Amino acid sequence: MNRLRMKYTKILMFGLLCIQLNVQAQNLKMPSDIMIALETGNSKKIFTRFNSSIELLMNQNQNVYGKAQAEKILKIFFETNGPSFRYKELHSSGKDLSNCNFIGQLFTSKGTYRVSIYIKNEQIYQMRLESND
């Protein structure tokens, strides 16, 4: 009977740990400097968070760019899509802001984009902007 009780106790503790980790992941918020940069279309503000090389996907175009080149591409995107940005966070995962992934929607004057940002060591390693339209 004690073995059975120990087994159920371990299963229960594991389940509680999983729930706690899931709650922590759901409470993780995108860093405010990145969110403000998206909302205002400020490529220079996002640039400060870029890794030295970043994987950038915009619609069907995907490549790895240097930090400065990625900032120029993002600046053109912001200029083309107008300044009326609004970010809505849909999902975040990771144990803390040093290693996490954020998925949301970016509403622009020319359409809605699904945004995915992968952060490692507090730097952006990957950014995806895919049209929902």
N, C-alpha and C. Protein backbone atom coordinates (compact mmCIF):
# COMPACT_ATOMS: atom_id res chain seq x y z
N MET A 1 0.82 -1.20 0.00
CA MET A 1 0.00 0.00 0.00
C MET A 1 0.86 1.26 0.00
N ASN A 2 1.96 1.25 0.75
CA ASN A 2 2.84 2.41 0.80
C ASN A 2 3.47 2.71 -0.56
N ARG A 3 3.82 1.66 -1.31
CA ARG A 3 4.40 1.86 -2.65
C ARG A 3 3.38 2.52 -3.58
N LEU A 4 2.16 2.05 -3.50
CA LEU A 4 1.10 2.62 -4.32
C LEU A 4 0.86 4.08 -3.95
N ARG A 5 0.85 4.37 -2.67
CA ARG A 5 0.67 5.75 -2.20
C ARG A 5 1.83 6.63 -2.67
N MET A 6 3.06 6.11 -2.61
CA MET A 6 4.25 6.86 -3.06
C MET A 6 4.14 7.14 -4.56
N LYS A 7 3.70 6.14 -5.32
CA LYS A 7 3.57 6.29 -6.76
C LYS A 7 2.56 7.40 -7.09
N TYR A 8 1.40 7.36 -6.45
CA TYR A 8 0.38 8.39 -6.68
C TYR A 8 0.84 9.77 -6.21
N THR A 9 1.58 9.81 -5.14
CA THR A 9 2.13 11.08 -4.65
C THR A 9 3.09 11.67 -5.68
N LYS A 10 3.96 10.85 -6.26
CA LYS A 10 4.89 11.32 -7.28
C LYS A 10 4.15 11.82 -8.51
N ILE A 11 3.13 11.07 -8.92
CA ILE A 11 2.34 11.49 -10.09
C ILE A 11 1.65 12.82 -9.81
N LEU A 12 1.09 12.97 -8.64
CA LEU A 12 0.42 14.21 -8.25
C LEU A 12 1.41 15.37 -8.22
N MET A 13 2.57 15.16 -7.64
CA MET A 13 3.58 16.23 -7.56
C MET A 13 4.06 16.62 -8.96
N PHE A 14 4.25 15.62 -9.83
CA PHE A 14 4.66 15.92 -11.20
C PHE A 14 3.58 16.74 -11.91
N GLY A 15 2.33 16.36 -11.74
CA GLY A 15 1.22 17.10 -12.34
C GLY A 15 1.16 18.54 -11.85
N LEU A 16 1.34 18.74 -10.56
CA LEU A 16 1.35 20.10 -10.00
C LEU A 16 2.51 20.92 -10.54
N LEU A 17 3.66 20.29 -10.70
CA LEU A 17 4.83 20.98 -11.26
C LEU A 17 4.54 21.41 -12.70
N CYS A 18 3.95 20.53 -13.48
CA CYS A 18 3.60 20.86 -14.86
C CYS A 18 2.63 22.03 -14.92
N ILE A 19 1.63 22.02 -14.07
CA ILE A 19 0.67 23.11 -14.01
C ILE A 19 1.36 24.42 -13.64
N GLN A 20 2.25 24.38 -12.66
CA GLN A 20 2.97 25.58 -12.22
C GLN A 20 3.82 26.13 -13.35
N LEU A 21 4.55 25.27 -14.07
CA LEU A 21 5.39 25.71 -15.18
C LEU A 21 4.54 26.31 -16.29
N ASN A 22 3.39 25.72 -16.57
CA ASN A 22 2.51 26.23 -17.59
C ASN A 22 1.97 27.61 -17.21
N VAL A 23 1.59 27.78 -15.96
CA VAL A 23 1.10 29.08 -15.48
C VAL A 23 2.20 30.13 -15.57
N GLN A 24 3.42 29.77 -15.18
CA GLN A 24 4.54 30.71 -15.28
C GLN A 24 4.77 31.11 -16.72
N ALA A 25 4.72 30.15 -17.64
CA ALA A 25 4.94 30.46 -19.06
C ALA A 25 3.85 31.39 -19.58
N GLN A 26 2.60 31.17 -19.19
CA GLN A 26 1.51 32.00 -19.67
C GLN A 26 1.58 33.41 -19.10
N ASN A 27 2.20 33.59 -17.94
CA ASN A 27 2.30 34.91 -17.32
C ASN A 27 3.49 35.71 -17.82
N LEU A 28 4.34 35.12 -18.62
CA LEU A 28 5.51 35.79 -19.16
C LEU A 28 5.05 36.85 -20.15
N LYS A 29 5.48 38.06 -19.99
CA LYS A 29 5.07 39.15 -20.87
C LYS A 29 6.23 39.59 -21.74
N MET A 30 5.90 39.99 -22.96
CA MET A 30 6.93 40.49 -23.86
C MET A 30 7.59 41.71 -23.22
N PRO A 31 8.92 41.80 -23.31
CA PRO A 31 9.60 42.98 -22.75
C PRO A 31 9.01 44.26 -23.32
N SER A 32 8.82 45.24 -22.45
CA SER A 32 8.12 46.46 -22.85
C SER A 32 8.85 47.22 -23.96
N ASP A 33 10.19 47.19 -23.99
CA ASP A 33 10.89 47.92 -25.04
C ASP A 33 10.60 47.33 -26.43
N ILE A 34 10.48 46.02 -26.51
CA ILE A 34 10.15 45.38 -27.79
C ILE A 34 8.70 45.67 -28.17
N MET A 35 7.79 45.58 -27.20
CA MET A 35 6.38 45.85 -27.47
C MET A 35 6.18 47.30 -27.93
N ILE A 36 6.81 48.23 -27.27
CA ILE A 36 6.69 49.65 -27.66
C ILE A 36 7.26 49.86 -29.06
N ALA A 37 8.38 49.21 -29.36
CA ALA A 37 9.00 49.34 -30.68
C ALA A 37 8.06 48.82 -31.77
N LEU A 38 7.39 47.70 -31.51
CA LEU A 38 6.42 47.17 -32.47
C LEU A 38 5.24 48.11 -32.63
N GLU A 39 4.72 48.60 -31.52
CA GLU A 39 3.54 49.46 -31.56
C GLU A 39 3.81 50.79 -32.25
N THR A 40 5.03 51.30 -32.15
CA THR A 40 5.37 52.60 -32.73
C THR A 40 6.10 52.48 -34.06
N GLY A 41 6.42 51.25 -34.48
CA GLY A 41 7.15 51.05 -35.73
C GLY A 41 8.57 51.57 -35.65
N ASN A 42 9.21 51.40 -34.50
CA ASN A 42 10.55 51.93 -34.27
C ASN A 42 11.60 50.82 -34.44
N SER A 43 12.17 50.74 -35.64
CA SER A 43 13.16 49.69 -35.94
C SER A 43 14.44 49.88 -35.14
N LYS A 44 14.80 51.13 -34.84
CA LYS A 44 16.04 51.38 -34.07
C LYS A 44 15.93 50.84 -32.65
N LYS A 45 14.74 50.92 -32.07
CA LYS A 45 14.54 50.41 -30.71
C LYS A 45 14.64 48.89 -30.68
N ILE A 46 14.10 48.22 -31.70
CA ILE A 46 14.22 46.76 -31.77
C ILE A 46 15.66 46.36 -32.06
N PHE A 47 16.34 47.14 -32.89
CA PHE A 47 17.74 46.91 -33.25
C PHE A 47 18.63 46.69 -32.03
N THR A 48 18.35 47.40 -30.97
CA THR A 48 19.18 47.28 -29.76
C THR A 48 19.07 45.90 -29.12
N ARG A 49 18.00 45.16 -29.44
CA ARG A 49 17.81 43.81 -28.89
C ARG A 49 18.25 42.70 -29.84
N PHE A 50 18.60 43.06 -31.10
CA PHE A 50 18.99 42.04 -32.06
C PHE A 50 20.31 41.40 -31.66
N ASN A 51 20.42 40.09 -31.91
CA ASN A 51 21.69 39.39 -31.82
C ASN A 51 22.56 39.89 -32.99
N SER A 52 23.84 39.57 -33.01
CA SER A 52 24.71 40.03 -34.10
C SER A 52 24.26 39.50 -35.46
N SER A 53 23.63 38.33 -35.47
CA SER A 53 22.97 37.83 -36.68
C SER A 53 21.56 37.39 -36.27
N ILE A 54 20.60 37.64 -37.14
CA ILE A 54 19.21 37.35 -36.82
C ILE A 54 18.53 36.70 -38.01
N GLU A 55 17.73 35.69 -37.73
CA GLU A 55 16.92 35.07 -38.77
C GLU A 55 15.64 35.89 -38.89
N LEU A 56 15.42 36.43 -40.07
CA LEU A 56 14.28 37.31 -40.29
C LEU A 56 13.42 36.73 -41.40
N LEU A 57 12.15 36.51 -41.11
CA LEU A 57 11.20 36.03 -42.09
C LEU A 57 10.10 37.06 -42.21
N MET A 58 9.91 37.55 -43.42
CA MET A 58 8.83 38.50 -43.69
C MET A 58 8.06 37.96 -44.87
N ASN A 59 6.84 37.50 -44.59
CA ASN A 59 6.00 36.79 -45.55
C ASN A 59 6.76 35.58 -46.08
N GLN A 60 7.12 35.56 -47.33
CA GLN A 60 7.78 34.38 -47.89
C GLN A 60 9.31 34.50 -47.92
N ASN A 61 9.85 35.64 -47.59
CA ASN A 61 11.30 35.86 -47.65
C ASN A 61 11.94 35.57 -46.30
N GLN A 62 12.84 34.61 -46.28
CA GLN A 62 13.51 34.22 -45.04
C GLN A 62 15.01 34.15 -45.28
N ASN A 63 15.76 34.76 -44.37
CA ASN A 63 17.21 34.74 -44.48
C ASN A 63 17.81 35.11 -43.13
N VAL A 64 19.10 34.86 -43.00
CA VAL A 64 19.84 35.29 -41.81
C VAL A 64 20.60 36.54 -42.21
N TYR A 65 20.41 37.61 -41.41
CA TYR A 65 21.01 38.90 -41.71
C TYR A 65 21.89 39.35 -40.55
N GLY A 66 22.80 40.23 -40.86
CA GLY A 66 23.53 40.92 -39.82
C GLY A 66 22.59 41.90 -39.13
N LYS A 67 22.96 42.33 -37.96
CA LYS A 67 22.13 43.20 -37.14
C LYS A 67 21.69 44.47 -37.89
N ALA A 68 22.63 45.15 -38.53
CA ALA A 68 22.34 46.42 -39.21
C ALA A 68 21.43 46.20 -40.42
N GLN A 69 21.69 45.14 -41.20
CA GLN A 69 20.87 44.85 -42.38
C GLN A 69 19.43 44.51 -41.98
N ALA A 70 19.28 43.73 -40.91
CA ALA A 70 17.94 43.37 -40.43
C ALA A 70 17.18 44.62 -39.98
N GLU A 71 17.87 45.55 -39.37
CA GLU A 71 17.21 46.80 -38.93
C GLU A 71 16.72 47.59 -40.14
N LYS A 72 17.51 47.64 -41.22
CA LYS A 72 17.09 48.35 -42.44
C LYS A 72 15.85 47.72 -43.06
N ILE A 73 15.82 46.39 -43.11
CA ILE A 73 14.67 45.68 -43.67
C ILE A 73 13.43 45.94 -42.84
N LEU A 74 13.57 45.91 -41.53
CA LEU A 74 12.45 46.17 -40.64
C LEU A 74 11.97 47.61 -40.76
N LYS A 75 12.90 48.53 -40.93
CA LYS A 75 12.54 49.94 -41.10
C LYS A 75 11.69 50.13 -42.35
N ILE A 76 12.06 49.47 -43.44
CA ILE A 76 11.29 49.56 -44.68
C ILE A 76 9.89 48.96 -44.47
N PHE A 77 9.83 47.84 -43.76
CA PHE A 77 8.53 47.23 -43.46
C PHE A 77 7.64 48.19 -42.69
N PHE A 78 8.18 48.82 -41.66
CA PHE A 78 7.40 49.76 -40.86
C PHE A 78 6.96 50.96 -41.70
N GLU A 79 7.84 51.48 -42.54
CA GLU A 79 7.50 52.64 -43.38
C GLU A 79 6.41 52.28 -44.40
N THR A 80 6.47 51.08 -44.96
CA THR A 80 5.52 50.62 -45.96
C THR A 80 4.14 50.35 -45.38
N ASN A 81 4.09 49.86 -44.15
CA ASN A 81 2.82 49.45 -43.56
C ASN A 81 2.17 50.51 -42.69
N GLY A 82 2.71 51.68 -42.66
CA GLY A 82 2.08 52.77 -41.92
C GLY A 82 2.34 52.71 -40.42
N PRO A 83 2.13 53.82 -39.75
CA PRO A 83 2.48 53.93 -38.33
C PRO A 83 1.41 53.44 -37.35
N SER A 84 0.29 52.91 -37.82
CA SER A 84 -0.77 52.55 -36.88
C SER A 84 -0.64 51.10 -36.42
N PHE A 85 0.30 50.84 -35.54
CA PHE A 85 0.56 49.50 -35.05
C PHE A 85 -0.13 49.26 -33.71
N ARG A 86 -0.59 48.03 -33.54
CA ARG A 86 -1.14 47.60 -32.25
C ARG A 86 -0.75 46.14 -32.09
N TYR A 87 -0.14 45.81 -30.98
CA TYR A 87 0.33 44.45 -30.75
C TYR A 87 -0.60 43.75 -29.77
N LYS A 88 -1.00 42.54 -30.09
CA LYS A 88 -1.84 41.73 -29.21
C LYS A 88 -1.10 40.43 -28.94
N GLU A 89 -0.76 40.18 -27.70
CA GLU A 89 -0.02 38.97 -27.36
C GLU A 89 -0.97 37.78 -27.29
N LEU A 90 -0.62 36.72 -28.02
CA LEU A 90 -1.44 35.52 -28.05
C LEU A 90 -0.87 34.42 -27.17
N HIS A 91 0.45 34.31 -27.17
CA HIS A 91 1.07 33.20 -26.45
C HIS A 91 2.52 33.54 -26.15
N SER A 92 2.99 33.08 -25.03
CA SER A 92 4.40 33.19 -24.70
C SER A 92 4.82 31.91 -24.02
N SER A 93 6.06 31.55 -24.24
CA SER A 93 6.57 30.35 -23.59
C SER A 93 8.02 30.56 -23.21
N GLY A 94 8.45 29.83 -22.22
CA GLY A 94 9.80 29.95 -21.70
C GLY A 94 9.74 30.11 -20.21
N LYS A 95 10.87 29.86 -19.57
CA LYS A 95 10.87 29.95 -18.11
C LYS A 95 11.16 31.35 -17.61
N ASP A 96 11.83 32.16 -18.42
CA ASP A 96 12.09 33.55 -18.05
C ASP A 96 12.42 34.33 -19.32
N LEU A 97 12.67 35.61 -19.18
CA LEU A 97 12.90 36.46 -20.35
C LEU A 97 14.25 36.23 -21.01
N SER A 98 15.12 35.40 -20.42
CA SER A 98 16.41 35.16 -21.05
C SER A 98 16.31 34.12 -22.16
N ASN A 99 15.23 33.34 -22.20
CA ASN A 99 15.07 32.31 -23.21
C ASN A 99 13.58 32.05 -23.40
N CYS A 100 12.96 32.72 -24.40
CA CYS A 100 11.52 32.61 -24.55
C CYS A 100 11.08 32.88 -25.98
N ASN A 101 9.83 32.58 -26.25
CA ASN A 101 9.24 32.79 -27.56
C ASN A 101 7.90 33.50 -27.37
N PHE A 102 7.66 34.52 -28.16
CA PHE A 102 6.40 35.26 -28.10
C PHE A 102 5.70 35.17 -29.44
N ILE A 103 4.41 34.94 -29.40
CA ILE A 103 3.60 34.91 -30.62
C ILE A 103 2.45 35.88 -30.42
N GLY A 104 2.23 36.72 -31.40
CA GLY A 104 1.16 37.68 -31.29
C GLY A 104 0.69 38.15 -32.64
N GLN A 105 -0.13 39.18 -32.64
CA GLN A 105 -0.62 39.77 -33.86
C GLN A 105 -0.22 41.24 -33.90
N LEU A 106 0.18 41.67 -35.07
CA LEU A 106 0.55 43.05 -35.28
C LEU A 106 -0.44 43.63 -36.29
N PHE A 107 -1.22 44.61 -35.86
CA PHE A 107 -2.22 45.23 -36.73
C PHE A 107 -1.61 46.48 -37.33
N THR A 108 -1.62 46.57 -38.65
CA THR A 108 -1.08 47.74 -39.33
C THR A 108 -2.16 48.37 -40.19
N SER A 109 -1.84 49.50 -40.79
CA SER A 109 -2.80 50.16 -41.66
C SER A 109 -3.01 49.37 -42.96
N LYS A 110 -2.12 48.42 -43.26
CA LYS A 110 -2.24 47.64 -44.50
C LYS A 110 -2.54 46.17 -44.27
N GLY A 111 -2.82 45.77 -43.05
CA GLY A 111 -3.17 44.38 -42.80
C GLY A 111 -2.69 43.88 -41.44
N THR A 112 -3.00 42.63 -41.16
CA THR A 112 -2.65 42.00 -39.89
C THR A 112 -1.54 40.99 -40.14
N TYR A 113 -0.57 40.96 -39.23
CA TYR A 113 0.56 40.05 -39.33
C TYR A 113 0.68 39.22 -38.06
N ARG A 114 1.01 37.96 -38.26
CA ARG A 114 1.35 37.08 -37.13
C ARG A 114 2.82 37.32 -36.84
N VAL A 115 3.12 37.64 -35.59
CA VAL A 115 4.49 37.94 -35.18
C VAL A 115 4.99 36.84 -34.25
N SER A 116 6.17 36.36 -34.54
CA SER A 116 6.82 35.39 -33.66
C SER A 116 8.24 35.88 -33.42
N ILE A 117 8.59 36.00 -32.14
CA ILE A 117 9.92 36.49 -31.77
C ILE A 117 10.55 35.50 -30.81
N TYR A 118 11.74 35.03 -31.17
CA TYR A 118 12.48 34.12 -30.30
C TYR A 118 13.62 34.88 -29.65
N ILE A 119 13.64 34.88 -28.31
CA ILE A 119 14.65 35.58 -27.54
C ILE A 119 15.51 34.56 -26.79
N LYS A 120 16.81 34.73 -26.89
CA LYS A 120 17.75 33.88 -26.16
C LYS A 120 18.80 34.81 -25.57
N ASN A 121 19.09 34.62 -24.30
CA ASN A 121 20.03 35.49 -23.59
C ASN A 121 19.66 36.96 -23.74
N GLU A 122 18.34 37.21 -23.72
CA GLU A 122 17.76 38.55 -23.79
C GLU A 122 18.01 39.26 -25.10
N GLN A 123 18.39 38.51 -26.15
CA GLN A 123 18.57 39.08 -27.48
C GLN A 123 17.64 38.38 -28.46
N ILE A 124 17.20 39.11 -29.47
CA ILE A 124 16.32 38.54 -30.48
C ILE A 124 17.16 37.77 -31.49
N TYR A 125 16.90 36.48 -31.61
CA TYR A 125 17.59 35.62 -32.56
C TYR A 125 16.75 35.37 -33.80
N GLN A 126 15.43 35.45 -33.65
CA GLN A 126 14.55 35.19 -34.78
C GLN A 126 13.32 36.07 -34.68
N MET A 127 12.92 36.63 -35.82
CA MET A 127 11.69 37.42 -35.89
C MET A 127 10.97 37.03 -37.17
N ARG A 128 9.68 36.70 -37.01
CA ARG A 128 8.86 36.31 -38.14
C ARG A 128 7.65 37.24 -38.21
N LEU A 129 7.41 37.80 -39.38
CA LEU A 129 6.24 38.62 -39.63
C LEU A 129 5.53 38.04 -40.85
N GLU A 130 4.40 37.37 -40.61
CA GLU A 130 3.68 36.68 -41.67
C GLU A 130 2.28 37.26 -41.81
N SER A 131 1.91 37.60 -43.02
CA SER A 131 0.61 38.21 -43.27
C SER A 131 -0.52 37.23 -42.98
N ASN A 132 -1.54 37.69 -42.30
CA ASN A 132 -2.75 36.90 -42.03
C ASN A 132 -3.78 37.08 -43.12
N ASP A 133 -3.57 38.06 -43.98
CA ASP A 133 -4.56 38.39 -45.02
C ASP A 133 -4.37 37.53 -46.25
